[in-house]
Amino acid sequence: MSEINAKIIDQKIISTHITISREIKNSIDLKLSCQAKLKTPQDIENNSVLLNIKLFLATPTDDLKAELTADIIFELDYVPDDYNIIAEQKLIPLARTSLFEKWDEILVAMGYKKMRLADKISQ
């Protein structure tokens, strides 16, 4: 089979927790981590999949600490043989990029500048 394509068809941020110091610097050392759980459909003909993803961002000095949790539904070209491979290679990178873009929107709403992590973090 050919390479599988995936697209986000629905996304809900279900939890956020953000703490930002008033004295945060323009240049910061940021640690990122991510946890993801995949929920596959019960119907074997269903080509959609739910990814629950938690994104953690923090500085070593705790000037910035954030956790975003989202449920993201993907539509796949076809039902894969191995969902874990697709999750690692396609779904998690797409979800992470989407959450980085939402993170920028949240920062702007809070009065800060965008960090543009989606542009800076290679997939």
PDB file of N, CA and C in Angstrom:
ATOM      1  N   MET A   1       0.832  -1.182   0.000  1.00  0.00           N
ATOM      2  CA  MET A   1       0.000   0.000   0.000  1.00  0.00           C
ATOM      3  C   MET A   1       0.876   1.244   0.000  1.00  0.00           C
ATOM      4  N   SER A   2       0.295   2.337  -0.482  1.00  0.00           N
ATOM      5  CA  SER A   2       1.033   3.591  -0.537  1.00  0.00           C
ATOM      6  C   SER A   2       1.076   4.250   0.841  1.00  0.00           C
ATOM      7  N   GLU A   3       1.834   5.336   0.899  1.00  0.00           N
ATOM      8  CA  GLU A   3       1.947   6.063   2.163  1.00  0.00           C
ATOM      9  C   GLU A   3       0.575   6.591   2.573  1.00  0.00           C
ATOM     10  N   ILE A   4       0.272   6.455   3.830  1.00  0.00           N
ATOM     11  CA  ILE A   4      -1.034   6.883   4.330  1.00  0.00           C
ATOM     12  C   ILE A   4      -1.021   8.381   4.612  1.00  0.00           C
ATOM     13  N   ASN A   5      -2.114   9.040   4.298  1.00  0.00           N
ATOM     14  CA  ASN A   5      -2.283  10.454   4.593  1.00  0.00           C
ATOM     15  C   ASN A   5      -3.281  10.600   5.726  1.00  0.00           C
ATOM     16  N   ALA A   6      -3.081  11.630   6.525  1.00  0.00           N
ATOM     17  CA  ALA A   6      -3.969  11.899   7.654  1.00  0.00           C
ATOM     18  C   ALA A   6      -4.285  13.383   7.686  1.00  0.00           C
ATOM     19  N   LYS A   7      -5.521  13.692   8.047  1.00  0.00           N
ATOM     20  CA  LYS A   7      -5.877  15.099   8.230  1.00  0.00           C
ATOM     21  C   LYS A   7      -6.727  15.236   9.482  1.00  0.00           C
ATOM     22  N   ILE A   8      -6.575  16.374  10.134  1.00  0.00           N
ATOM     23  CA  ILE A   8      -7.340  16.662  11.339  1.00  0.00           C
ATOM     24  C   ILE A   8      -8.748  17.063  10.917  1.00  0.00           C
ATOM     25  N   ILE A   9      -9.746  16.359  11.470  1.00  0.00           N
ATOM     26  CA  ILE A   9     -11.129  16.723  11.154  1.00  0.00           C
ATOM     27  C   ILE A   9     -11.845  17.360  12.348  1.00  0.00           C
ATOM     28  N   ASP A  10     -11.292  17.211  13.541  1.00  0.00           N
ATOM     29  CA  ASP A  10     -11.860  17.860  14.722  1.00  0.00           C
ATOM     30  C   ASP A  10     -10.789  17.927  15.801  1.00  0.00           C
ATOM     31  N   GLN A  11     -10.833  19.022  16.555  1.00  0.00           N
ATOM     32  CA  GLN A  11      -9.864  19.200  17.642  1.00  0.00           C
ATOM     33  C   GLN A  11     -10.533  19.947  18.777  1.00  0.00           C
ATOM     34  N   LYS A  12     -10.358  19.441  19.976  1.00  0.00           N
ATOM     35  CA  LYS A  12     -10.871  20.116  21.163  1.00  0.00           C
ATOM     36  C   LYS A  12      -9.767  20.163  22.208  1.00  0.00           C
ATOM     37  N   ILE A  13      -9.444  21.362  22.646  1.00  0.00           N
ATOM     38  CA  ILE A  13      -8.535  21.497  23.778  1.00  0.00           C
ATOM     39  C   ILE A  13      -9.389  21.291  25.016  1.00  0.00           C
ATOM     40  N   ILE A  14      -9.074  20.254  25.770  1.00  0.00           N
ATOM     41  CA  ILE A  14      -9.927  19.898  26.905  1.00  0.00           C
ATOM     42  C   ILE A  14      -9.362  20.353  28.247  1.00  0.00           C
ATOM     43  N   SER A  15      -8.099  20.784  28.251  1.00  0.00           N
ATOM     44  CA  SER A  15      -7.506  21.246  29.500  1.00  0.00           C
ATOM     45  C   SER A  15      -6.289  22.117  29.196  1.00  0.00           C
ATOM     46  N   THR A  16      -6.175  23.204  29.945  1.00  0.00           N
ATOM     47  CA  THR A  16      -4.968  24.035  29.866  1.00  0.00           C
ATOM     48  C   THR A  16      -4.589  24.464  31.279  1.00  0.00           C
ATOM     49  N   HIS A  17      -3.315  24.558  31.486  1.00  0.00           N
ATOM     50  CA  HIS A  17      -2.788  25.137  32.715  1.00  0.00           C
ATOM     51  C   HIS A  17      -1.537  25.902  32.314  1.00  0.00           C
ATOM     52  N   ILE A  18      -1.545  27.217  32.566  1.00  0.00           N
ATOM     53  CA  ILE A  18      -0.443  28.069  32.117  1.00  0.00           C
ATOM     54  C   ILE A  18      -0.040  29.010  33.242  1.00  0.00           C
ATOM     55  N   THR A  19       1.258  29.058  33.506  1.00  0.00           N
ATOM     56  CA  THR A  19       1.825  30.019  34.435  1.00  0.00           C
ATOM     57  C   THR A  19       2.998  30.695  33.740  1.00  0.00           C
ATOM     58  N   ILE A  20       2.944  32.032  33.649  1.00  0.00           N
ATOM     59  CA  ILE A  20       4.023  32.791  33.011  1.00  0.00           C
ATOM     60  C   ILE A  20       4.448  33.907  33.958  1.00  0.00           C
ATOM     61  N   SER A  21       5.747  33.996  34.198  1.00  0.00           N
ATOM     62  CA  SER A  21       6.298  35.039  35.056  1.00  0.00           C
ATOM     63  C   SER A  21       6.132  36.407  34.389  1.00  0.00           C
ATOM     64  N   ARG A  22       5.923  37.422  35.193  1.00  0.00           N
ATOM     65  CA  ARG A  22       5.853  38.789  34.650  1.00  0.00           C
ATOM     66  C   ARG A  22       7.192  39.228  34.067  1.00  0.00           C
ATOM     67  N   GLU A  23       8.272  38.650  34.568  1.00  0.00           N
ATOM     68  CA  GLU A  23       9.611  39.034  34.128  1.00  0.00           C
ATOM     69  C   GLU A  23      10.206  38.049  33.126  1.00  0.00           C
ATOM     70  N   ILE A  24       9.403  37.403  32.342  1.00  0.00           N
ATOM     71  CA  ILE A  24       9.932  36.420  31.389  1.00  0.00           C
ATOM     72  C   ILE A  24      10.801  37.122  30.346  1.00  0.00           C
ATOM     73  N   LYS A  25      11.898  36.482  30.001  1.00  0.00           N
ATOM     74  CA  LYS A  25      12.855  37.053  29.051  1.00  0.00           C
ATOM     75  C   LYS A  25      12.405  36.774  27.622  1.00  0.00           C
ATOM     76  N   ASN A  26      12.955  37.550  26.687  1.00  0.00           N
ATOM     77  CA  ASN A  26      12.640  37.333  25.271  1.00  0.00           C
ATOM     78  C   ASN A  26      13.236  36.030  24.762  1.00  0.00           C
ATOM     79  N   SER A  27      14.404  35.671  25.268  1.00  0.00           N
ATOM     80  CA  SER A  27      15.060  34.431  24.855  1.00  0.00           C
ATOM     81  C   SER A  27      15.062  33.475  26.046  1.00  0.00           C
ATOM     82  N   ILE A  28      14.436  32.321  25.860  1.00  0.00           N
ATOM     83  CA  ILE A  28      14.334  31.369  26.964  1.00  0.00           C
ATOM     84  C   ILE A  28      14.745  29.980  26.501  1.00  0.00           C
ATOM     85  N   ASP A  29      15.211  29.202  27.466  1.00  0.00           N
ATOM     86  CA  ASP A  29      15.514  27.792  27.233  1.00  0.00           C
ATOM     87  C   ASP A  29      14.243  27.023  27.572  1.00  0.00           C
ATOM     88  N   LEU A  30      13.667  26.380  26.584  1.00  0.00           N
ATOM     89  CA  LEU A  30      12.371  25.740  26.757  1.00  0.00           C
ATOM     90  C   LEU A  30      12.486  24.231  26.625  1.00  0.00           C
ATOM     91  N   LYS A  31      11.901  23.524  27.570  1.00  0.00           N
ATOM     92  CA  LYS A  31      11.855  22.061  27.524  1.00  0.00           C
ATOM     93  C   LYS A  31      10.448  21.657  27.094  1.00  0.00           C
ATOM     94  N   LEU A  32      10.383  20.773  26.110  1.00  0.00           N
ATOM     95  CA  LEU A  32       9.102  20.295  25.600  1.00  0.00           C
ATOM     96  C   LEU A  32       9.003  18.798  25.793  1.00  0.00           C
ATOM     97  N   SER A  33       7.830  18.339  26.149  1.00  0.00           N
ATOM     98  CA  SER A  33       7.578  16.901  26.155  1.00  0.00           C
ATOM     99  C   SER A  33       6.117  16.673  25.784  1.00  0.00           C
ATOM    100  N   CYS A  34       5.840  15.438  25.429  1.00  0.00           N
ATOM    101  CA  CYS A  34       4.525  15.123  24.901  1.00  0.00           C
ATOM    102  C   CYS A  34       4.151  13.701  25.303  1.00  0.00           C
ATOM    103  N   GLN A  35       2.895  13.513  25.657  1.00  0.00           N
ATOM    104  CA  GLN A  35       2.346  12.185  25.918  1.00  0.00           C
ATOM    105  C   GLN A  35       1.123  12.027  25.029  1.00  0.00           C
ATOM    106  N   ALA A  36       0.959  10.847  24.467  1.00  0.00           N
ATOM    107  CA  ALA A  36      -0.182  10.636  23.578  1.00  0.00           C
ATOM    108  C   ALA A  36      -0.775   9.251  23.791  1.00  0.00           C
ATOM    109  N   LYS A  37      -2.095   9.196  23.658  1.00  0.00           N
ATOM    110  CA  LYS A  37      -2.825   7.927  23.704  1.00  0.00           C
ATOM    111  C   LYS A  37      -3.717   7.866  22.473  1.00  0.00           C
ATOM    112  N   LEU A  38      -3.711   6.737  21.834  1.00  0.00           N
ATOM    113  CA  LEU A  38      -4.484   6.547  20.614  1.00  0.00           C
ATOM    114  C   LEU A  38      -5.703   5.687  20.912  1.00  0.00           C
ATOM    115  N   LYS A  39      -6.852   6.121  20.433  1.00  0.00           N
ATOM    116  CA  LYS A  39      -8.068   5.316  20.569  1.00  0.00           C
ATOM    117  C   LYS A  39      -8.544   4.968  19.163  1.00  0.00           C
ATOM    118  N   THR A  40      -8.492   3.695  18.870  1.00  0.00           N
ATOM    119  CA  THR A  40      -8.865   3.222  17.540  1.00  0.00           C
ATOM    120  C   THR A  40     -10.358   2.896  17.500  1.00  0.00           C
ATOM    121  N   PRO A  41     -10.951   2.958  16.320  1.00  0.00           N
ATOM    122  CA  PRO A  41     -12.388   2.686  16.209  1.00  0.00           C
ATOM    123  C   PRO A  41     -12.706   1.206  16.407  1.00  0.00           C
ATOM    124  N   GLN A  42     -13.896   0.938  16.904  1.00  0.00           N
ATOM    125  CA  GLN A  42     -14.331  -0.450  17.055  1.00  0.00           C
ATOM    126  C   GLN A  42     -14.753  -1.040  15.717  1.00  0.00           C
ATOM    127  N   ASP A  43     -15.299  -0.191  14.853  1.00  0.00           N
ATOM    128  CA  ASP A  43     -15.705  -0.622  13.515  1.00  0.00           C
ATOM    129  C   ASP A  43     -14.452  -0.719  12.646  1.00  0.00           C
ATOM    130  N   ILE A  44     -14.135  -1.892  12.159  1.00  0.00           N
ATOM    131  CA  ILE A  44     -12.889  -2.089  11.403  1.00  0.00           C
ATOM    132  C   ILE A  44     -12.887  -1.362  10.060  1.00  0.00           C
ATOM    133  N   GLU A  45     -14.035  -0.888   9.608  1.00  0.00           N
ATOM    134  CA  GLU A  45     -14.110  -0.132   8.353  1.00  0.00           C
ATOM    135  C   GLU A  45     -13.950   1.372   8.580  1.00  0.00           C
ATOM    136  N   ASN A  46     -13.994   1.804   9.827  1.00  0.00           N
ATOM    137  CA  ASN A  46     -13.897   3.221  10.159  1.00  0.00           C
ATOM    138  C   ASN A  46     -12.447   3.676  10.004  1.00  0.00           C
ATOM    139  N   ASN A  47     -12.235   4.711   9.198  1.00  0.00           N
ATOM    140  CA  ASN A  47     -10.874   5.178   8.952  1.00  0.00           C
ATOM    141  C   ASN A  47     -10.531   6.436   9.755  1.00  0.00           C
ATOM    142  N   SER A  48     -11.265   6.679  10.843  1.00  0.00           N
ATOM    143  CA  SER A  48     -10.908   7.792  11.717  1.00  0.00           C
ATOM    144  C   SER A  48     -10.303   7.243  13.004  1.00  0.00           C
ATOM    145  N   VAL A  49      -9.573   8.114  13.704  1.00  0.00           N
ATOM    146  CA  VAL A  49      -8.900   7.701  14.927  1.00  0.00           C
ATOM    147  C   VAL A  49      -8.818   8.914  15.857  1.00  0.00           C
ATOM    148  N   LEU A  50      -8.907   8.662  17.161  1.00  0.00           N
ATOM    149  CA  LEU A  50      -8.836   9.717  18.168  1.00  0.00           C
ATOM    150  C   LEU A  50      -7.476   9.670  18.852  1.00  0.00           C
ATOM    151  N   LEU A  51      -6.818  10.812  18.887  1.00  0.00           N
ATOM    152  CA  LEU A  51      -5.543  10.939  19.589  1.00  0.00           C
ATOM    153  C   LEU A  51      -5.740  11.901  20.752  1.00  0.00           C
ATOM    154  N   ASN A  52      -5.493  11.427  21.966  1.00  0.00           N
ATOM    155  CA  ASN A  52      -5.477  12.289  23.141  1.00  0.00           C
ATOM    156  C   ASN A  52      -4.020  12.639  23.377  1.00  0.00           C
ATOM    157  N   ILE A  53      -3.715  13.930  23.389  1.00  0.00           N
ATOM    158  CA  ILE A  53      -2.322  14.365  23.484  1.00  0.00           C
ATOM    159  C   ILE A  53      -2.176  15.415  24.576  1.00  0.00           C
ATOM    160  N   LYS A  54      -1.104  15.275  25.363  1.00  0.00           N
ATOM    161  CA  LYS A  54      -0.736  16.257  26.382  1.00  0.00           C
ATOM    162  C   LYS A  54       0.611  16.834  25.991  1.00  0.00           C
ATOM    163  N   LEU A  55       0.662  18.141  25.935  1.00  0.00           N
ATOM    164  CA  LEU A  55       1.887  18.845  25.589  1.00  0.00           C
ATOM    165  C   LEU A  55       2.346  19.622  26.813  1.00  0.00           C
ATOM    166  N   PHE A  56       3.592  19.402  27.213  1.00  0.00           N
ATOM    167  CA  PHE A  56       4.172  20.088  28.365  1.00  0.00           C
ATOM    168  C   PHE A  56       5.273  21.025  27.877  1.00  0.00           C
ATOM    169  N   LEU A  57       5.247  22.272  28.347  1.00  0.00           N
ATOM    170  CA  LEU A  57       6.280  23.251  28.034  1.00  0.00           C
ATOM    171  C   LEU A  57       6.740  23.865  29.352  1.00  0.00           C
ATOM    172  N   ALA A  58       8.047  24.009  29.530  1.00  0.00           N
ATOM    173  CA  ALA A  58       8.548  24.596  30.772  1.00  0.00           C
ATOM    174  C   ALA A  58       9.961  25.116  30.575  1.00  0.00           C
ATOM    175  N   THR A  59      10.294  26.144  31.340  1.00  0.00           N
ATOM    176  CA  THR A  59      11.669  26.620  31.405  1.00  0.00           C
ATOM    177  C   THR A  59      12.304  26.016  32.652  1.00  0.00           C
ATOM    178  N   PRO A  60      13.633  25.882  32.664  1.00  0.00           N
ATOM    179  CA  PRO A  60      14.296  25.336  33.861  1.00  0.00           C
ATOM    180  C   PRO A  60      14.050  26.176  35.115  1.00  0.00           C
ATOM    181  N   THR A  61      13.828  27.477  34.928  1.00  0.00           N
ATOM    182  CA  THR A  61      13.615  28.383  36.062  1.00  0.00           C
ATOM    183  C   THR A  61      12.141  28.533  36.426  1.00  0.00           C
ATOM    184  N   ASP A  62      11.279  27.810  35.750  1.00  0.00           N
ATOM    185  CA  ASP A  62       9.829  27.877  35.963  1.00  0.00           C
ATOM    186  C   ASP A  62       9.236  29.252  35.665  1.00  0.00           C
ATOM    187  N   ASP A  63       9.919  30.050  34.817  1.00  0.00           N
ATOM    188  CA  ASP A  63       9.333  31.315  34.364  1.00  0.00           C
ATOM    189  C   ASP A  63       8.107  31.059  33.496  1.00  0.00           C
ATOM    190  N   LEU A  64       8.098  29.904  32.879  1.00  0.00           N
ATOM    191  CA  LEU A  64       6.967  29.501  32.056  1.00  0.00           C
ATOM    192  C   LEU A  64       6.708  28.023  32.289  1.00  0.00           C
ATOM    193  N   LYS A  65       5.469  27.710  32.615  1.00  0.00           N
ATOM    194  CA  LYS A  65       5.036  26.317  32.732  1.00  0.00           C
ATOM    195  C   LYS A  65       3.665  26.230  32.087  1.00  0.00           C
ATOM    196  N   ALA A  66       3.511  25.265  31.189  1.00  0.00           N
ATOM    197  CA  ALA A  66       2.221  25.114  30.524  1.00  0.00           C
ATOM    198  C   ALA A  66       1.957  23.651  30.226  1.00  0.00           C
ATOM    199  N   GLU A  67       0.696  23.314  30.289  1.00  0.00           N
ATOM    200  CA  GLU A  67       0.241  21.982  29.903  1.00  0.00           C
ATOM    201  C   GLU A  67      -1.039  22.167  29.095  1.00  0.00           C
ATOM    202  N   LEU A  68      -1.052  21.621  27.903  1.00  0.00           N
ATOM    203  CA  LEU A  68      -2.243  21.633  27.059  1.00  0.00           C
ATOM    204  C   LEU A  68      -2.628  20.193  26.763  1.00  0.00           C
ATOM    205  N   THR A  69      -3.890  19.876  26.941  1.00  0.00           N
ATOM    206  CA  THR A  69      -4.398  18.540  26.638  1.00  0.00           C
ATOM    207  C   THR A  69      -5.503  18.684  25.604  1.00  0.00           C
ATOM    208  N   ALA A  70      -5.441  17.854  24.578  1.00  0.00           N
ATOM    209  CA  ALA A  70      -6.429  17.946  23.504  1.00  0.00           C
ATOM    210  C   ALA A  70      -6.836  16.566  23.018  1.00  0.00           C
ATOM    211  N   ASP A  71      -8.056  16.501  22.520  1.00  0.00           N
ATOM    212  CA  ASP A  71      -8.543  15.344  21.782  1.00  0.00           C
ATOM    213  C   ASP A  71      -8.588  15.750  20.315  1.00  0.00           C
ATOM    214  N   ILE A  72      -7.898  15.007  19.487  1.00  0.00           N
ATOM    215  CA  ILE A  72      -7.827  15.327  18.064  1.00  0.00           C
ATOM    216  C   ILE A  72      -8.287  14.109  17.275  1.00  0.00           C
ATOM    217  N   ILE A  73      -9.242  14.338  16.396  1.00  0.00           N
ATOM    218  CA  ILE A  73      -9.746  13.263  15.541  1.00  0.00           C
ATOM    219  C   ILE A  73      -9.136  13.430  14.155  1.00  0.00           C
ATOM    220  N   PHE A  74      -8.564  12.344  13.675  1.00  0.00           N
ATOM    221  CA  PHE A  74      -7.945  12.312  12.352  1.00  0.00           C
ATOM    222  C   PHE A  74      -8.761  11.428  11.418  1.00  0.00           C
ATOM    223  N   GLU A  75      -8.753  11.805  10.165  1.00  0.00           N
ATOM    224  CA  GLU A  75      -9.285  10.932   9.122  1.00  0.00           C
ATOM    225  C   GLU A  75      -8.093  10.409   8.329  1.00  0.00           C
ATOM    226  N   LEU A  76      -8.039   9.108   8.144  1.00  0.00           N
ATOM    227  CA  LEU A  76      -6.955   8.466   7.410  1.00  0.00           C
ATOM    228  C   LEU A  76      -7.453   8.045   6.032  1.00  0.00           C
ATOM    229  N   ASP A  77      -6.522   7.935   5.090  1.00  0.00           N
ATOM    230  CA  ASP A  77      -6.881   7.467   3.744  1.00  0.00           C
ATOM    231  C   ASP A  77      -7.503   6.079   3.776  1.00  0.00           C
ATOM    232  N   TYR A  78      -6.973   5.255   4.640  1.00  0.00           N
ATOM    233  CA  TYR A  78      -7.450   3.875   4.757  1.00  0.00           C
ATOM    234  C   TYR A  78      -7.120   3.360   6.154  1.00  0.00           C
ATOM    235  N   VAL A  79      -7.679   2.251   6.521  1.00  0.00           N
ATOM    236  CA  VAL A  79      -7.423   1.645   7.830  1.00  0.00           C
ATOM    237  C   VAL A  79      -6.030   1.016   7.795  1.00  0.00           C
ATOM    238  N   PRO A  80      -5.121   1.473   8.667  1.00  0.00           N
ATOM    239  CA  PRO A  80      -3.748   0.957   8.638  1.00  0.00           C
ATOM    240  C   PRO A  80      -3.618  -0.413   9.305  1.00  0.00           C
ATOM    241  N   ASP A  81      -2.548  -1.097   8.953  1.00  0.00           N
ATOM    242  CA  ASP A  81      -2.234  -2.369   9.612  1.00  0.00           C
ATOM    243  C   ASP A  81      -1.726  -2.142  11.032  1.00  0.00           C
ATOM    244  N   ASP A  82      -0.964  -1.064  11.217  1.00  0.00           N
ATOM    245  CA  ASP A  82      -0.352  -0.779  12.520  1.00  0.00           C
ATOM    246  C   ASP A  82      -0.597   0.689  12.882  1.00  0.00           C
ATOM    247  N   TYR A  83      -1.530   0.913  13.780  1.00  0.00           N
ATOM    248  CA  TYR A  83      -1.858   2.276  14.196  1.00  0.00           C
ATOM    249  C   TYR A  83      -0.691   2.951  14.914  1.00  0.00           C
ATOM    250  N   ASN A  84       0.120   2.199  15.650  1.00  0.00           N
ATOM    251  CA  ASN A  84       1.224   2.798  16.402  1.00  0.00           C
ATOM    252  C   ASN A  84       2.244   3.456  15.484  1.00  0.00           C
ATOM    253  N   ILE A  85       2.551   2.821  14.379  1.00  0.00           N
ATOM    254  CA  ILE A  85       3.506   3.406  13.426  1.00  0.00           C
ATOM    255  C   ILE A  85       2.939   4.695  12.842  1.00  0.00           C
ATOM    256  N   ILE A  86       1.672   4.666  12.462  1.00  0.00           N
ATOM    257  CA  ILE A  86       1.023   5.857  11.908  1.00  0.00           C
ATOM    258  C   ILE A  86       0.992   6.973  12.952  1.00  0.00           C
ATOM    259  N   ALA A  87       0.723   6.623  14.196  1.00  0.00           N
ATOM    260  CA  ALA A  87       0.696   7.627  15.262  1.00  0.00           C
ATOM    261  C   ALA A  87       2.059   8.289  15.414  1.00  0.00           C
ATOM    262  N   GLU A  88       3.111   7.489  15.461  1.00  0.00           N
ATOM    263  CA  GLU A  88       4.460   8.037  15.636  1.00  0.00           C
ATOM    264  C   GLU A  88       4.910   8.863  14.441  1.00  0.00           C
ATOM    265  N   GLN A  89       4.642   8.372  13.239  1.00  0.00           N
ATOM    266  CA  GLN A  89       5.163   9.022  12.040  1.00  0.00           C
ATOM    267  C   GLN A  89       4.304  10.182  11.550  1.00  0.00           C
ATOM    268  N   LYS A  90       3.005  10.121  11.750  1.00  0.00           N
ATOM    269  CA  LYS A  90       2.102  11.123  11.172  1.00  0.00           C
ATOM    270  C   LYS A  90       1.282  11.884  12.212  1.00  0.00           C
ATOM    271  N   LEU A  91       0.545  11.139  13.030  1.00  0.00           N
ATOM    272  CA  LEU A  91      -0.474  11.765  13.861  1.00  0.00           C
ATOM    273  C   LEU A  91       0.103  12.651  14.958  1.00  0.00           C
ATOM    274  N   ILE A  92       1.075  12.158  15.692  1.00  0.00           N
ATOM    275  CA  ILE A  92       1.652  12.959  16.777  1.00  0.00           C
ATOM    276  C   ILE A  92       2.335  14.217  16.242  1.00  0.00           C
ATOM    277  N   PRO A  93       3.148  14.134  15.175  1.00  0.00           N
ATOM    278  CA  PRO A  93       3.713  15.378  14.640  1.00  0.00           C
ATOM    279  C   PRO A  93       2.651  16.381  14.168  1.00  0.00           C
ATOM    280  N   LEU A  94       1.595  15.900  13.505  1.00  0.00           N
ATOM    281  CA  LEU A  94       0.519  16.803  13.074  1.00  0.00           C
ATOM    282  C   LEU A  94      -0.195  17.417  14.275  1.00  0.00           C
ATOM    283  N   ALA A  95      -0.478  16.614  15.281  1.00  0.00           N
ATOM    284  CA  ALA A  95      -1.152  17.105  16.481  1.00  0.00           C
ATOM    285  C   ALA A  95      -0.286  18.114  17.223  1.00  0.00           C
ATOM    286  N   ARG A  96       0.984  17.818  17.334  1.00  0.00           N
ATOM    287  CA  ARG A  96       1.909  18.726  18.026  1.00  0.00           C
ATOM    288  C   ARG A  96       1.965  20.078  17.316  1.00  0.00           C
ATOM    289  N   THR A  97       2.070  20.067  15.995  1.00  0.00           N
ATOM    290  CA  THR A  97       2.097  21.314  15.232  1.00  0.00           C
ATOM    291  C   THR A  97       0.808  22.101  15.440  1.00  0.00           C
ATOM    292  N   SER A  98      -0.311  21.418  15.400  1.00  0.00           N
ATOM    293  CA  SER A  98      -1.596  22.082  15.611  1.00  0.00           C
ATOM    294  C   SER A  98      -1.679  22.696  17.006  1.00  0.00           C
ATOM    295  N   LEU A  99      -1.205  21.976  18.011  1.00  0.00           N
ATOM    296  CA  LEU A  99      -1.216  22.520  19.374  1.00  0.00           C
ATOM    297  C   LEU A  99      -0.249  23.686  19.532  1.00  0.00           C
ATOM    298  N   PHE A 100       0.886  23.647  18.858  1.00  0.00           N
ATOM    299  CA  PHE A 100       1.806  24.789  18.895  1.00  0.00           C
ATOM    300  C   PHE A 100       1.131  26.031  18.318  1.00  0.00           C
ATOM    301  N   GLU A 101       0.350  25.860  17.255  1.00  0.00           N
ATOM    302  CA  GLU A 101      -0.373  26.994  16.671  1.00  0.00           C
ATOM    303  C   GLU A 101      -1.445  27.508  17.635  1.00  0.00           C
ATOM    304  N   LYS A 102      -2.143  26.605  18.308  1.00  0.00           N
ATOM    305  CA  LYS A 102      -3.124  27.013  19.323  1.00  0.00           C
ATOM    306  C   LYS A 102      -2.427  27.705  20.491  1.00  0.00           C
ATOM    307  N   TRP A 103      -1.245  27.211  20.857  1.00  0.00           N
ATOM    308  CA  TRP A 103      -0.451  27.815  21.927  1.00  0.00           C
ATOM    309  C   TRP A 103      -0.162  29.276  21.595  1.00  0.00           C
ATOM    310  N   ASP A 104       0.211  29.558  20.340  1.00  0.00           N
ATOM    311  CA  ASP A 104       0.453  30.943  19.926  1.00  0.00           C
ATOM    312  C   ASP A 104      -0.810  31.791  20.074  1.00  0.00           C
ATOM    313  N   GLU A 105      -1.955  31.245  19.694  1.00  0.00           N
ATOM    314  CA  GLU A 105      -3.217  31.976  19.834  1.00  0.00           C
ATOM    315  C   GLU A 105      -3.505  32.282  21.303  1.00  0.00           C
ATOM    316  N   ILE A 106      -3.246  31.328  22.170  1.00  0.00           N
ATOM    317  CA  ILE A 106      -3.464  31.523  23.602  1.00  0.00           C
ATOM    318  C   ILE A 106      -2.523  32.602  24.138  1.00  0.00           C
ATOM    319  N   LEU A 107      -1.248  32.543  23.740  1.00  0.00           N
ATOM    320  CA  LEU A 107      -0.284  33.556  24.185  1.00  0.00           C
ATOM    321  C   LEU A 107      -0.729  34.957  23.782  1.00  0.00           C
ATOM    322  N   VAL A 108      -1.164  35.119  22.542  1.00  0.00           N
ATOM    323  CA  VAL A 108      -1.621  36.428  22.063  1.00  0.00           C
ATOM    324  C   VAL A 108      -2.834  36.892  22.876  1.00  0.00           C
ATOM    325  N   ALA A 109      -3.762  35.990  23.143  1.00  0.00           N
ATOM    326  CA  ALA A 109      -4.940  36.337  23.945  1.00  0.00           C
ATOM    327  C   ALA A 109      -4.550  36.765  25.360  1.00  0.00           C
ATOM    328  N   MET A 110      -3.427  36.238  25.857  1.00  0.00           N
ATOM    329  CA  MET A 110      -2.950  36.589  27.195  1.00  0.00           C
ATOM    330  C   MET A 110      -2.093  37.855  27.194  1.00  0.00           C
ATOM    331  N   GLY A 111      -1.806  38.405  26.005  1.00  0.00           N
ATOM    332  CA  GLY A 111      -1.024  39.633  25.921  1.00  0.00           C
ATOM    333  C   GLY A 111       0.451  39.434  25.639  1.00  0.00           C
ATOM    334  N   TYR A 112       0.851  38.237  25.267  1.00  0.00           N
ATOM    335  CA  TYR A 112       2.247  37.930  24.956  1.00  0.00           C
ATOM    336  C   TYR A 112       2.428  37.775  23.453  1.00  0.00           C
ATOM    337  N   LYS A 113       3.682  37.715  23.040  1.00  0.00           N
ATOM    338  CA  LYS A 113       3.999  37.488  21.629  1.00  0.00           C
ATOM    339  C   LYS A 113       3.979  35.997  21.327  1.00  0.00           C
ATOM    340  N   LYS A 114       3.744  35.688  20.065  1.00  0.00           N
ATOM    341  CA  LYS A 114       3.789  34.297  19.621  1.00  0.00           C
ATOM    342  C   LYS A 114       5.201  33.743  19.787  1.00  0.00           C
ATOM    343  N   MET A 115       5.300  32.465  20.086  1.00  0.00           N
ATOM    344  CA  MET A 115       6.605  31.800  20.173  1.00  0.00           C
ATOM    345  C   MET A 115       6.973  31.124  18.852  1.00  0.00           C
ATOM    346  N   ARG A 116       5.992  30.864  18.019  1.00  0.00           N
ATOM    347  CA  ARG A 116       6.174  30.226  16.705  1.00  0.00           C
ATOM    348  C   ARG A 116       6.911  28.883  16.810  1.00  0.00           C
ATOM    349  N   LEU A 117       6.517  28.081  17.781  1.00  0.00           N
ATOM    350  CA  LEU A 117       7.146  26.772  17.967  1.00  0.00           C
ATOM    351  C   LEU A 117       6.879  25.842  16.791  1.00  0.00           C
ATOM    352  N   ALA A 118       5.735  25.989  16.144  1.00  0.00           N
ATOM    353  CA  ALA A 118       5.430  25.139  14.986  1.00  0.00           C
ATOM    354  C   ALA A 118       6.458  25.341  13.883  1.00  0.00           C
ATOM    355  N   ASP A 119       6.969  26.564  13.750  1.00  0.00           N
ATOM    356  CA  ASP A 119       7.991  26.856  12.738  1.00  0.00           C
ATOM    357  C   ASP A 119       9.376  26.409  13.184  1.00  0.00           C
ATOM    358  N   LYS A 120       9.620  26.407  14.493  1.00  0.00           N
ATOM    359  CA  LYS A 120      10.966  26.157  15.010  1.00  0.00           C
ATOM    360  C   LYS A 120      11.261  24.688  15.296  1.00  0.00           C
ATOM    361  N   ILE A 121      10.237  23.913  15.600  1.00  0.00           N
ATOM    362  CA  ILE A 121      10.432  22.507  15.948  1.00  0.00           C
ATOM    363  C   ILE A 121      10.274  21.677  14.687  1.00  0.00           C
ATOM    364  N   SER A 122      11.332  20.967  14.333  1.00  0.00           N
ATOM    365  CA  SER A 122      11.247  20.136  13.127  1.00  0.00           C
ATOM    366  C   SER A 122      10.372  18.932  13.400  1.00  0.00           C
ATOM    367  N   GLN A 123       9.701  18.499  12.366  1.00  0.00           N
ATOM    368  CA  GLN A 123       8.815  17.350  12.504  1.00  0.00           C
ATOM    369  C   GLN A 123       9.622  16.138  12.298  1.00  0.00           C
TER     370      GLN A 123
END
